[in-house]
PDB file of N, CA and C in Angstrom:
ATOM      1  N   MET A   1      15.721  61.979  31.861  1.00  0.00           N
ATOM      2  CA  MET A   1      15.987  61.614  33.234  1.00  0.00           C
ATOM      3  C   MET A   1      15.123  62.471  34.152  1.00  0.00           C
ATOM      4  N   ASN A   2      14.510  61.842  35.128  1.00  0.00           N
ATOM      5  CA  ASN A   2      13.636  62.546  36.053  1.00  0.00           C
ATOM      6  C   ASN A   2      14.420  63.109  37.233  1.00  0.00           C
ATOM      7  N   GLU A   3      13.979  64.256  37.715  1.00  0.00           N
ATOM      8  CA  GLU A   3      14.590  64.882  38.890  1.00  0.00           C
ATOM      9  C   GLU A   3      14.181  64.096  40.132  1.00  0.00           C
ATOM     10  N   ILE A   4      15.133  63.912  41.044  1.00  0.00           N
ATOM     11  CA  ILE A   4      14.898  63.091  42.233  1.00  0.00           C
ATOM     12  C   ILE A   4      15.204  63.909  43.480  1.00  0.00           C
ATOM     13  N   THR A   5      14.402  63.678  44.521  1.00  0.00           N
ATOM     14  CA  THR A   5      14.613  64.330  45.814  1.00  0.00           C
ATOM     15  C   THR A   5      14.494  63.274  46.911  1.00  0.00           C
ATOM     16  N   ARG A   6      14.740  63.654  48.137  1.00  0.00           N
ATOM     17  CA  ARG A   6      14.713  62.718  49.268  1.00  0.00           C
ATOM     18  C   ARG A   6      13.514  63.029  50.152  1.00  0.00           C
ATOM     19  N   ILE A   7      12.800  61.972  50.600  1.00  0.00           N
ATOM     20  CA  ILE A   7      11.701  62.115  51.558  1.00  0.00           C
ATOM     21  C   ILE A   7      11.827  61.036  52.623  1.00  0.00           C
ATOM     22  N   HIS A   8      11.051  61.204  53.689  1.00  0.00           N
ATOM     23  CA  HIS A   8      10.961  60.193  54.744  1.00  0.00           C
ATOM     24  C   HIS A   8       9.499  59.806  54.899  1.00  0.00           C
ATOM     25  N   ILE A   9       9.251  58.513  54.845  1.00  0.00           N
ATOM     26  CA  ILE A   9       7.909  57.974  55.091  1.00  0.00           C
ATOM     27  C   ILE A   9       8.048  57.014  56.261  1.00  0.00           C
ATOM     28  N   ALA A  10       7.325  57.283  57.329  1.00  0.00           N
ATOM     29  CA  ALA A  10       7.391  56.460  58.542  1.00  0.00           C
ATOM     30  C   ALA A  10       8.850  56.272  58.988  1.00  0.00           C
ATOM     31  N   LYS A  11       9.581  57.373  59.003  1.00  0.00           N
ATOM     32  CA  LYS A  11      10.980  57.410  59.448  1.00  0.00           C
ATOM     33  C   LYS A  11      11.907  56.565  58.584  1.00  0.00           C
ATOM     34  N   THR A  12      11.491  56.290  57.347  1.00  0.00           N
ATOM     35  CA  THR A  12      12.314  55.551  56.400  1.00  0.00           C
ATOM     36  C   THR A  12      12.636  56.480  55.237  1.00  0.00           C
ATOM     37  N   ALA A  13      13.910  56.606  54.914  1.00  0.00           N
ATOM     38  CA  ALA A  13      14.333  57.514  53.846  1.00  0.00           C
ATOM     39  C   ALA A  13      14.195  56.841  52.484  1.00  0.00           C
ATOM     40  N   TYR A  14      13.685  57.598  51.527  1.00  0.00           N
ATOM     41  CA  TYR A  14      13.562  57.160  50.141  1.00  0.00           C
ATOM     42  C   TYR A  14      13.985  58.290  49.230  1.00  0.00           C
ATOM     43  N   ASP A  15      14.468  57.925  48.055  1.00  0.00           N
ATOM     44  CA  ASP A  15      14.610  58.886  46.970  1.00  0.00           C
ATOM     45  C   ASP A  15      13.311  58.779  46.187  1.00  0.00           C
ATOM     46  N   VAL A  16      12.850  59.897  45.661  1.00  0.00           N
ATOM     47  CA  VAL A  16      11.557  59.898  44.972  1.00  0.00           C
ATOM     48  C   VAL A  16      11.602  60.878  43.816  1.00  0.00           C
ATOM     49  N   GLU A  17      10.951  60.489  42.725  1.00  0.00           N
ATOM     50  CA  GLU A  17      10.805  61.397  41.604  1.00  0.00           C
ATOM     51  C   GLU A  17       9.922  62.559  42.055  1.00  0.00           C
ATOM     52  N   VAL A  18      10.173  63.752  41.558  1.00  0.00           N
ATOM     53  CA  VAL A  18       9.447  64.941  41.989  1.00  0.00           C
ATOM     54  C   VAL A  18       7.944  64.791  41.723  1.00  0.00           C
ATOM     55  N   ALA A  19       7.568  64.259  40.574  1.00  0.00           N
ATOM     56  CA  ALA A  19       6.148  64.071  40.262  1.00  0.00           C
ATOM     57  C   ALA A  19       5.505  63.077  41.232  1.00  0.00           C
ATOM     58  N   ALA A  20       6.222  62.017  41.570  1.00  0.00           N
ATOM     59  CA  ALA A  20       5.711  61.023  42.512  1.00  0.00           C
ATOM     60  C   ALA A  20       5.591  61.622  43.911  1.00  0.00           C
ATOM     61  N   LYS A  21       6.532  62.495  44.267  1.00  0.00           N
ATOM     62  CA  LYS A  21       6.482  63.153  45.578  1.00  0.00           C
ATOM     63  C   LYS A  21       5.228  64.001  45.703  1.00  0.00           C
ATOM     64  N   LYS A  22       4.898  64.732  44.643  1.00  0.00           N
ATOM     65  CA  LYS A  22       3.693  65.558  44.670  1.00  0.00           C
ATOM     66  C   LYS A  22       2.443  64.695  44.820  1.00  0.00           C
ATOM     67  N   GLN A  23       2.391  63.567  44.100  1.00  0.00           N
ATOM     68  CA  GLN A  23       1.244  62.659  44.208  1.00  0.00           C
ATOM     69  C   GLN A  23       1.131  62.095  45.623  1.00  0.00           C
ATOM     70  N   LEU A  24       2.256  61.684  46.183  1.00  0.00           N
ATOM     71  CA  LEU A  24       2.267  61.097  47.520  1.00  0.00           C
ATOM     72  C   LEU A  24       1.891  62.115  48.584  1.00  0.00           C
ATOM     73  N   GLU A  25       2.413  63.338  48.474  1.00  0.00           N
ATOM     74  CA  GLU A  25       2.058  64.391  49.424  1.00  0.00           C
ATOM     75  C   GLU A  25       0.573  64.711  49.355  1.00  0.00           C
ATOM     76  N   LYS A  26       0.026  64.747  48.156  1.00  0.00           N
ATOM     77  CA  LYS A  26      -1.408  65.006  47.986  1.00  0.00           C
ATOM     78  C   LYS A  26      -2.234  63.901  48.639  1.00  0.00           C
ATOM     79  N   TYR A  27      -1.807  62.653  48.476  1.00  0.00           N
ATOM     80  CA  TYR A  27      -2.520  61.517  49.071  1.00  0.00           C
ATOM     81  C   TYR A  27      -2.472  61.587  50.600  1.00  0.00           C
ATOM     82  N   ILE A  28      -1.311  61.858  51.159  1.00  0.00           N
ATOM     83  CA  ILE A  28      -1.182  61.925  52.616  1.00  0.00           C
ATOM     84  C   ILE A  28      -1.959  63.110  53.174  1.00  0.00           C
ATOM     85  N   LYS A  29      -1.965  64.244  52.473  1.00  0.00           N
ATOM     86  CA  LYS A  29      -2.765  65.396  52.903  1.00  0.00           C
ATOM     87  C   LYS A  29      -4.244  65.047  52.914  1.00  0.00           C
ATOM     88  N   SER A  30      -4.701  64.302  51.913  1.00  0.00           N
ATOM     89  CA  SER A  30      -6.114  63.919  51.877  1.00  0.00           C
ATOM     90  C   SER A  30      -6.447  62.973  53.028  1.00  0.00           C
ATOM     91  N   LEU A  31      -5.493  62.138  53.435  1.00  0.00           N
ATOM     92  CA  LEU A  31      -5.702  61.285  54.611  1.00  0.00           C
ATOM     93  C   LEU A  31      -5.829  62.129  55.874  1.00  0.00           C
ATOM     94  N   GLU A  32      -4.968  63.139  55.990  1.00  0.00           N
ATOM     95  CA  GLU A  32      -5.017  64.011  57.156  1.00  0.00           C
ATOM     96  C   GLU A  32      -6.310  64.811  57.203  1.00  0.00           C
ATOM     97  N   THR A  33      -6.895  65.081  56.037  1.00  0.00           N
ATOM     98  CA  THR A  33      -8.174  65.789  55.976  1.00  0.00           C
ATOM     99  C   THR A  33      -9.286  64.947  56.578  1.00  0.00           C
ATOM    100  N   TYR A  34      -9.244  63.642  56.348  1.00  0.00           N
ATOM    101  CA  TYR A  34     -10.297  62.755  56.821  1.00  0.00           C
ATOM    102  C   TYR A  34     -10.125  62.319  58.265  1.00  0.00           C
ATOM    103  N   THR A  35      -8.949  62.492  58.835  1.00  0.00           N
ATOM    104  CA  THR A  35      -8.750  62.111  60.225  1.00  0.00           C
ATOM    105  C   THR A  35      -7.866  63.138  60.914  1.00  0.00           C
ATOM    106  N   GLN A  36      -8.139  63.390  62.151  1.00  0.00           N
ATOM    107  CA  GLN A  36      -7.302  64.282  62.954  1.00  0.00           C
ATOM    108  C   GLN A  36      -6.362  63.476  63.849  1.00  0.00           C
ATOM    109  N   ASP A  37      -6.385  62.154  63.702  1.00  0.00           N
ATOM    110  CA  ASP A  37      -5.585  61.267  64.538  1.00  0.00           C
ATOM    111  C   ASP A  37      -4.236  61.006  63.869  1.00  0.00           C
ATOM    112  N   ALA A  38      -3.179  61.530  64.460  1.00  0.00           N
ATOM    113  CA  ALA A  38      -1.842  61.372  63.892  1.00  0.00           C
ATOM    114  C   ALA A  38      -1.393  59.921  63.887  1.00  0.00           C
ATOM    115  N   GLU A  39      -1.855  59.137  64.859  1.00  0.00           N
ATOM    116  CA  GLU A  39      -1.479  57.724  64.925  1.00  0.00           C
ATOM    117  C   GLU A  39      -2.008  56.952  63.728  1.00  0.00           C
ATOM    118  N   VAL A  40      -3.212  57.275  63.283  1.00  0.00           N
ATOM    119  CA  VAL A  40      -3.796  56.600  62.123  1.00  0.00           C
ATOM    120  C   VAL A  40      -2.977  56.919  60.880  1.00  0.00           C
ATOM    121  N   VAL A  41      -2.595  58.166  60.723  1.00  0.00           N
ATOM    122  CA  VAL A  41      -1.789  58.564  59.566  1.00  0.00           C
ATOM    123  C   VAL A  41      -0.424  57.872  59.621  1.00  0.00           C
ATOM    124  N   GLU A  42       0.168  57.774  60.818  1.00  0.00           N
ATOM    125  CA  GLU A  42       1.446  57.076  60.966  1.00  0.00           C
ATOM    126  C   GLU A  42       1.308  55.606  60.597  1.00  0.00           C
ATOM    127  N   ASP A  43       0.211  54.964  61.007  1.00  0.00           N
ATOM    128  CA  ASP A  43      -0.018  53.564  60.662  1.00  0.00           C
ATOM    129  C   ASP A  43      -0.161  53.385  59.155  1.00  0.00           C
ATOM    130  N   ILE A  44      -0.823  54.315  58.511  1.00  0.00           N
ATOM    131  CA  ILE A  44      -0.976  54.246  57.057  1.00  0.00           C
ATOM    132  C   ILE A  44       0.374  54.450  56.372  1.00  0.00           C
ATOM    133  N   GLU A  45       1.193  55.346  56.903  1.00  0.00           N
ATOM    134  CA  GLU A  45       2.525  55.540  56.341  1.00  0.00           C
ATOM    135  C   GLU A  45       3.368  54.272  56.482  1.00  0.00           C
ATOM    136  N   ILE A  46       3.230  53.588  57.610  1.00  0.00           N
ATOM    137  CA  ILE A  46       3.946  52.322  57.794  1.00  0.00           C
ATOM    138  C   ILE A  46       3.481  51.310  56.751  1.00  0.00           C
ATOM    139  N   ARG A  47       2.171  51.266  56.510  1.00  0.00           N
ATOM    140  CA  ARG A  47       1.634  50.358  55.493  1.00  0.00           C
ATOM    141  C   ARG A  47       2.140  50.735  54.097  1.00  0.00           C
ATOM    142  N   ILE A  48       2.289  52.016  53.844  1.00  0.00           N
ATOM    143  CA  ILE A  48       2.831  52.462  52.553  1.00  0.00           C
ATOM    144  C   ILE A  48       4.255  51.921  52.378  1.00  0.00           C
ATOM    145  N   THR A  49       5.071  51.983  53.430  1.00  0.00           N
ATOM    146  CA  THR A  49       6.437  51.458  53.322  1.00  0.00           C
ATOM    147  C   THR A  49       6.429  49.953  53.082  1.00  0.00           C
ATOM    148  N   GLU A  50       5.471  49.245  53.694  1.00  0.00           N
ATOM    149  CA  GLU A  50       5.358  47.798  53.466  1.00  0.00           C
ATOM    150  C   GLU A  50       4.982  47.502  52.019  1.00  0.00           C
ATOM    151  N   LEU A  51       4.025  48.264  51.479  1.00  0.00           N
ATOM    152  CA  LEU A  51       3.616  48.064  50.092  1.00  0.00           C
ATOM    153  C   LEU A  51       4.737  48.397  49.119  1.00  0.00           C
ATOM    154  N   LEU A  52       5.503  49.439  49.435  1.00  0.00           N
ATOM    155  CA  LEU A  52       6.647  49.774  48.585  1.00  0.00           C
ATOM    156  C   LEU A  52       7.678  48.655  48.603  1.00  0.00           C
ATOM    157  N   ALA A  53       7.916  48.065  49.769  1.00  0.00           N
ATOM    158  CA  ALA A  53       8.862  46.947  49.870  1.00  0.00           C
ATOM    159  C   ALA A  53       8.381  45.756  49.049  1.00  0.00           C
ATOM    160  N   GLU A  54       7.065  45.509  49.051  1.00  0.00           N
ATOM    161  CA  GLU A  54       6.511  44.422  48.238  1.00  0.00           C
ATOM    162  C   GLU A  54       6.736  44.686  46.753  1.00  0.00           C
ATOM    163  N   ARG A  55       6.767  45.948  46.366  1.00  0.00           N
ATOM    164  CA  ARG A  55       7.007  46.322  44.970  1.00  0.00           C
ATOM    165  C   ARG A  55       8.501  46.373  44.643  1.00  0.00           C
ATOM    166  N   GLY A  56       9.355  46.084  45.625  1.00  0.00           N
ATOM    167  CA  GLY A  56      10.790  46.066  45.389  1.00  0.00           C
ATOM    168  C   GLY A  56      11.493  47.370  45.677  1.00  0.00           C
ATOM    169  N   VAL A  57      10.801  48.333  46.279  1.00  0.00           N
ATOM    170  CA  VAL A  57      11.420  49.616  46.636  1.00  0.00           C
ATOM    171  C   VAL A  57      11.826  49.531  48.108  1.00  0.00           C
ATOM    172  N   LYS A  58      13.098  49.291  48.334  1.00  0.00           N
ATOM    173  CA  LYS A  58      13.622  49.187  49.692  1.00  0.00           C
ATOM    174  C   LYS A  58      13.988  50.577  50.209  1.00  0.00           C
ATOM    175  N   ALA A  59      14.316  50.653  51.500  1.00  0.00           N
ATOM    176  CA  ALA A  59      14.752  51.923  52.084  1.00  0.00           C
ATOM    177  C   ALA A  59      15.937  52.454  51.291  1.00  0.00           C
ATOM    178  N   GLY A  60      15.872  53.739  50.921  1.00  0.00           N
ATOM    179  CA  GLY A  60      16.914  54.342  50.115  1.00  0.00           C
ATOM    180  C   GLY A  60      16.692  54.173  48.622  1.00  0.00           C
ATOM    181  N   GLY A  61      15.679  53.368  48.257  1.00  0.00           N
ATOM    182  CA  GLY A  61      15.368  53.154  46.849  1.00  0.00           C
ATOM    183  C   GLY A  61      14.606  54.327  46.263  1.00  0.00           C
ATOM    184  N   VAL A  62      14.346  54.249  44.963  1.00  0.00           N
ATOM    185  CA  VAL A  62      13.673  55.333  44.255  1.00  0.00           C
ATOM    186  C   VAL A  62      12.200  54.983  44.050  1.00  0.00           C
ATOM    187  N   ILE A  63      11.334  55.883  44.497  1.00  0.00           N
ATOM    188  CA  ILE A  63       9.886  55.735  44.313  1.00  0.00           C
ATOM    189  C   ILE A  63       9.506  56.451  43.025  1.00  0.00           C
ATOM    190  N   ALA A  64       8.864  55.721  42.123  1.00  0.00           N
ATOM    191  CA  ALA A  64       8.410  56.295  40.858  1.00  0.00           C
ATOM    192  C   ALA A  64       6.907  56.565  40.934  1.00  0.00           C
ATOM    193  N   SER A  65       6.394  57.275  39.960  1.00  0.00           N
ATOM    194  CA  SER A  65       4.968  57.604  39.922  1.00  0.00           C
ATOM    195  C   SER A  65       4.104  56.349  39.872  1.00  0.00           C
ATOM    196  N   ASP A  66       4.542  55.327  39.132  1.00  0.00           N
ATOM    197  CA  ASP A  66       3.743  54.103  39.060  1.00  0.00           C
ATOM    198  C   ASP A  66       3.692  53.380  40.403  1.00  0.00           C
ATOM    199  N   ASP A  67       4.721  53.544  41.251  1.00  0.00           N
ATOM    200  CA  ASP A  67       4.687  52.971  42.601  1.00  0.00           C
ATOM    201  C   ASP A  67       3.613  53.661  43.444  1.00  0.00           C
ATOM    202  N   VAL A  68       3.531  54.976  43.327  1.00  0.00           N
ATOM    203  CA  VAL A  68       2.530  55.735  44.086  1.00  0.00           C
ATOM    204  C   VAL A  68       1.121  55.349  43.628  1.00  0.00           C
ATOM    205  N   VAL A  69       0.932  55.214  42.322  1.00  0.00           N
ATOM    206  CA  VAL A  69      -0.374  54.822  41.795  1.00  0.00           C
ATOM    207  C   VAL A  69      -0.769  53.437  42.314  1.00  0.00           C
ATOM    208  N   ALA A  70       0.182  52.507  42.335  1.00  0.00           N
ATOM    209  CA  ALA A  70      -0.092  51.157  42.818  1.00  0.00           C
ATOM    210  C   ALA A  70      -0.434  51.150  44.308  1.00  0.00           C
ATOM    211  N   VAL A  71       0.272  51.951  45.082  1.00  0.00           N
ATOM    212  CA  VAL A  71      -0.002  52.037  46.522  1.00  0.00           C
ATOM    213  C   VAL A  71      -1.392  52.617  46.765  1.00  0.00           C
ATOM    214  N   ARG A  72      -1.730  53.677  46.034  1.00  0.00           N
ATOM    215  CA  ARG A  72      -3.057  54.290  46.186  1.00  0.00           C
ATOM    216  C   ARG A  72      -4.151  53.305  45.798  1.00  0.00           C
ATOM    217  N   LYS A  73      -3.906  52.544  44.755  1.00  0.00           N
ATOM    218  CA  LYS A  73      -4.890  51.556  44.316  1.00  0.00           C
ATOM    219  C   LYS A  73      -5.061  50.473  45.379  1.00  0.00           C
ATOM    220  N   GLN A  74      -3.954  50.032  45.969  1.00  0.00           N
ATOM    221  CA  GLN A  74      -3.987  48.987  47.001  1.00  0.00           C
ATOM    222  C   GLN A  74      -4.695  49.484  48.270  1.00  0.00           C
ATOM    223  N   LEU A  75      -4.352  50.683  48.729  1.00  0.00           N
ATOM    224  CA  LEU A  75      -4.932  51.215  49.963  1.00  0.00           C
ATOM    225  C   LEU A  75      -6.330  51.777  49.749  1.00  0.00           C
ATOM    226  N   GLY A  76      -6.580  52.323  48.585  1.00  0.00           N
ATOM    227  CA  GLY A  76      -7.855  52.979  48.327  1.00  0.00           C
ATOM    228  C   GLY A  76      -7.776  54.452  48.665  1.00  0.00           C
ATOM    229  N   GLU A  77      -8.773  55.154  48.229  1.00  0.00           N
ATOM    230  CA  GLU A  77      -8.844  56.586  48.506  1.00  0.00           C
ATOM    231  C   GLU A  77      -9.441  56.806  49.896  1.00  0.00           C
ATOM    232  N   PRO A  78      -9.100  57.898  50.564  1.00  0.00           N
ATOM    233  CA  PRO A  78      -9.584  58.139  51.923  1.00  0.00           C
ATOM    234  C   PRO A  78     -11.108  58.109  52.045  1.00  0.00           C
ATOM    235  N   TYR A  79     -11.823  58.622  51.056  1.00  0.00           N
ATOM    236  CA  TYR A  79     -13.276  58.621  51.139  1.00  0.00           C
ATOM    237  C   TYR A  79     -13.852  57.207  51.070  1.00  0.00           C
ATOM    238  N   GLU A  80     -13.082  56.248  50.588  1.00  0.00           N
ATOM    239  CA  GLU A  80     -13.553  54.870  50.504  1.00  0.00           C
ATOM    240  C   GLU A  80     -13.508  54.159  51.853  1.00  0.00           C
ATOM    241  N   PHE A  81     -12.596  54.575  52.734  1.00  0.00           N
ATOM    242  CA  PHE A  81     -12.544  53.914  54.032  1.00  0.00           C
ATOM    243  C   PHE A  81     -12.842  54.855  55.185  1.00  0.00           C
ATOM    244  N   ALA A  82     -13.471  55.974  54.897  1.00  0.00           N
ATOM    245  CA  ALA A  82     -13.916  56.888  55.949  1.00  0.00           C
ATOM    246  C   ALA A  82     -15.397  56.654  56.206  1.00  0.00           C
ATOM    247  N   ASP A  83     -15.779  56.738  57.473  1.00  0.00           N
ATOM    248  CA  ASP A  83     -17.198  56.608  57.778  1.00  0.00           C
ATOM    249  C   ASP A  83     -17.900  57.933  57.503  1.00  0.00           C
ATOM    250  N   GLY A  84     -19.183  58.004  57.739  1.00  0.00           N
ATOM    251  CA  GLY A  84     -19.962  59.184  57.413  1.00  0.00           C
ATOM    252  C   GLY A  84     -19.613  60.422  58.209  1.00  0.00           C
ATOM    253  N   GLU A  85     -18.907  60.277  59.316  1.00  0.00           N
ATOM    254  CA  GLU A  85     -18.581  61.413  60.175  1.00  0.00           C
ATOM    255  C   GLU A  85     -17.197  61.978  59.902  1.00  0.00           C
ATOM    256  N   GLY A  86     -16.508  61.477  58.872  1.00  0.00           N
ATOM    257  CA  GLY A  86     -15.187  61.987  58.552  1.00  0.00           C
ATOM    258  C   GLY A  86     -14.071  61.253  59.252  1.00  0.00           C
ATOM    259  N   ASP A  87     -14.385  60.281  60.103  1.00  0.00           N
ATOM    260  CA  ASP A  87     -13.354  59.507  60.768  1.00  0.00           C
ATOM    261  C   ASP A  87     -13.034  58.276  59.934  1.00  0.00           C
ATOM    262  N   ILE A  88     -11.799  57.844  60.008  1.00  0.00           N
ATOM    263  CA  ILE A  88     -11.411  56.651  59.278  1.00  0.00           C
ATOM    264  C   ILE A  88     -11.875  55.442  60.059  1.00  0.00           C
ATOM    265  N   ALA A  89     -12.602  54.588  59.386  1.00  0.00           N
ATOM    266  CA  ALA A  89     -13.112  53.371  60.010  1.00  0.00           C
ATOM    267  C   ALA A  89     -11.989  52.345  60.028  1.00  0.00           C
ATOM    268  N   VAL A  90     -11.514  52.006  61.221  1.00  0.00           N
ATOM    269  CA  VAL A  90     -10.400  51.080  61.329  1.00  0.00           C
ATOM    270  C   VAL A  90     -10.820  49.708  61.828  1.00  0.00           C
ATOM    271  N   GLY A  91     -12.041  49.528  62.157  1.00  0.00           N
ATOM    272  CA  GLY A  91     -12.508  48.231  62.625  1.00  0.00           C
ATOM    273  C   GLY A  91     -13.941  48.318  63.073  1.00  0.00           C
ATOM    274  N   ALA A  92     -14.441  47.184  63.522  1.00  0.00           N
ATOM    275  CA  ALA A  92     -15.818  47.152  63.987  1.00  0.00           C
ATOM    276  C   ALA A  92     -15.953  47.945  65.287  1.00  0.00           C
ATOM    277  N   GLU A  93     -17.079  48.576  65.439  1.00  0.00           N
ATOM    278  CA  GLU A  93     -17.331  49.349  66.649  1.00  0.00           C
ATOM    279  C   GLU A  93     -17.578  48.393  67.805  1.00  0.00           C
ATOM    280  N   VAL A  94     -16.941  48.658  68.922  1.00  0.00           N
ATOM    281  CA  VAL A  94     -17.054  47.783  70.084  1.00  0.00           C
ATOM    282  C   VAL A  94     -18.027  48.392  71.069  1.00  0.00           C
ATOM    283  N   SER A  95     -18.957  47.603  71.484  1.00  0.00           N
ATOM    284  CA  SER A  95     -19.935  48.069  72.457  1.00  0.00           C
ATOM    285  C   SER A  95     -19.371  47.861  73.855  1.00  0.00           C
ATOM    286  N   SER A  96     -19.710  48.730  74.777  1.00  0.00           N
ATOM    287  CA  SER A  96     -19.163  48.629  76.134  1.00  0.00           C
ATOM    288  C   SER A  96     -20.267  48.264  77.129  1.00  0.00           C
ATOM    289  N   ARG A  97     -21.000  47.237  76.817  1.00  0.00           N
ATOM    290  CA  ARG A  97     -22.045  46.780  77.743  1.00  0.00           C
ATOM    291  C   ARG A  97     -21.448  45.853  78.768  1.00  0.00           C
ATOM    292  N   ARG A  98     -22.025  45.885  79.958  1.00  0.00           N
ATOM    293  CA  ARG A  98     -21.602  44.944  81.004  1.00  0.00           C
ATOM    294  C   ARG A  98     -22.645  43.853  81.132  1.00  0.00           C
ATOM    295  N   LEU A  99     -22.171  42.683  81.360  1.00  0.00           N
ATOM    296  CA  LEU A  99     -23.073  41.547  81.571  1.00  0.00           C
ATOM    297  C   LEU A  99     -23.103  41.240  83.070  1.00  0.00           C
ATOM    298  N   TYR A 100     -24.314  41.048  83.587  1.00  0.00           N
ATOM    299  CA  TYR A 100     -24.488  40.720  85.002  1.00  0.00           C
ATOM    300  C   TYR A 100     -25.169  39.378  85.110  1.00  0.00           C
ATOM    301  N   ARG A 101     -24.804  38.654  86.111  1.00  0.00           N
ATOM    302  CA  ARG A 101     -25.415  37.355  86.356  1.00  0.00           C
ATOM    303  C   ARG A 101     -26.452  37.517  87.449  1.00  0.00           C
ATOM    304  N   SER A 102     -27.634  36.956  87.237  1.00  0.00           N
ATOM    305  CA  SER A 102     -28.668  37.075  88.276  1.00  0.00           C
ATOM    306  C   SER A 102     -28.763  35.847  89.137  1.00  0.00           C
TER     307      SER A 102
END
């Protein structure tokens, strides 16, 4: 039997195996390394809760190591979606040009 503890992801409580908790904390720390924007990390945590729900882990459910591996595989590693400057690329860059009519 695996040891279980309680965590909160995006303000949602889960029970989690200790090994899975370490994997998840390491993943979230690596996300924080690539971005200094807390909102981006919060959005990713919300997506993690959505992916866990798709896997059948509801709020208050138990997160296992294989759930964490599946979430990481689905989201990808931080270096895969970070641009060259260390910022997380969240969409196309928008230009702020003005158009004038002559």
